Amino acid sequence: MTSLKSKILSSLKEGNEVSAKQFAARFKTSATTVGARVSELRRDGYAIYNNKHTDCLLYTSPSP
């Protein structure tokens, strides 16, 4: 079974711009949980940013 962190990272690495709400709906969880997993990914060294103009998450650097 793939973890939520892995699913989020995989989607962002593919170049998808997805909001926390969209991830939450796709993976049947809450936007708060998605935010927590994104925070963990950032602590792991992944550069994930919020695009304030589109309210989407962006992955902008190679994996650590």
Protein backbone atom coordinates (compact mmCIF):
# COMPACT_ATOMS: atom_id res chain seq x y z
CA MET A 1 0.00 0.00 0.00
CA THR A 2 1.35 3.41 -0.98
CA SER A 3 1.48 6.09 1.71
CA LEU A 4 -0.26 9.43 1.32
CA LYS A 5 3.14 11.17 1.33
CA SER A 6 4.28 9.00 -1.58
CA LYS A 7 1.09 9.69 -3.53
CA ILE A 8 1.39 13.44 -3.01
CA LEU A 9 5.06 13.50 -3.96
CA SER A 10 4.51 11.33 -7.02
CA SER A 11 1.72 13.58 -8.29
CA LEU A 12 3.75 16.74 -7.74
CA LYS A 13 6.84 15.24 -9.40
CA GLU A 14 4.72 14.58 -12.50
CA GLY A 15 4.23 18.34 -12.70
CA ASN A 16 0.65 18.41 -11.49
CA GLU A 17 -0.51 21.56 -9.72
CA VAL A 18 -3.04 20.36 -7.17
CA SER A 19 -4.63 22.08 -4.20
CA ALA A 20 -4.77 20.50 -0.77
CA LYS A 21 -8.57 20.26 -1.18
CA GLN A 22 -8.16 18.40 -4.48
CA PHE A 23 -5.67 15.97 -2.93
CA ALA A 24 -8.02 15.47 0.01
CA ALA A 25 -10.93 14.61 -2.27
CA ARG A 26 -8.80 12.32 -4.44
CA PHE A 27 -7.36 10.37 -1.52
CA LYS A 28 -10.45 10.54 0.72
CA THR A 29 -8.83 12.42 3.57
CA SER A 30 -8.90 15.98 4.93
CA ALA A 31 -7.05 19.02 3.65
CA THR A 32 -5.49 19.26 7.13
CA THR A 33 -4.02 15.78 6.77
CA VAL A 34 -2.68 16.65 3.31
CA GLY A 35 -1.09 19.80 4.76
CA ALA A 36 0.57 17.75 7.49
CA ARG A 37 2.03 15.30 4.96
CA VAL A 38 3.28 18.18 2.80
CA SER A 39 4.96 19.66 5.88
CA GLU A 40 6.66 16.31 6.49
CA LEU A 41 7.86 16.23 2.88
CA ARG A 42 9.29 19.72 3.30
CA ARG A 43 11.12 18.61 6.45
CA ASP A 44 12.46 15.67 4.43
CA GLY A 45 14.05 18.21 2.07
CA TYR A 46 11.53 18.46 -0.77
CA ALA A 47 10.89 21.95 -2.13
CA ILE A 48 7.12 22.18 -2.22
CA TYR A 49 5.60 25.65 -2.48
CA ASN A 50 2.12 27.11 -2.44
CA ASN A 51 1.21 28.99 -5.59
CA LYS A 52 -0.86 31.78 -4.07
CA HIS A 53 -2.33 32.79 -7.43
CA THR A 54 -3.85 29.39 -8.13
CA ASP A 55 -4.00 27.98 -4.55
CA CYS A 56 -2.06 24.92 -5.71
CA LEU A 57 1.01 23.08 -4.47
CA LEU A 58 4.13 23.06 -6.64
CA TYR A 59 7.19 20.80 -6.49
CA THR A 60 10.16 22.72 -7.78
CA SER A 61 13.37 20.81 -7.14
CA PRO A 62 14.84 17.34 -7.56
CA SER A 63 14.47 14.80 -4.78
CA PRO A 64 17.04 14.95 -1.98
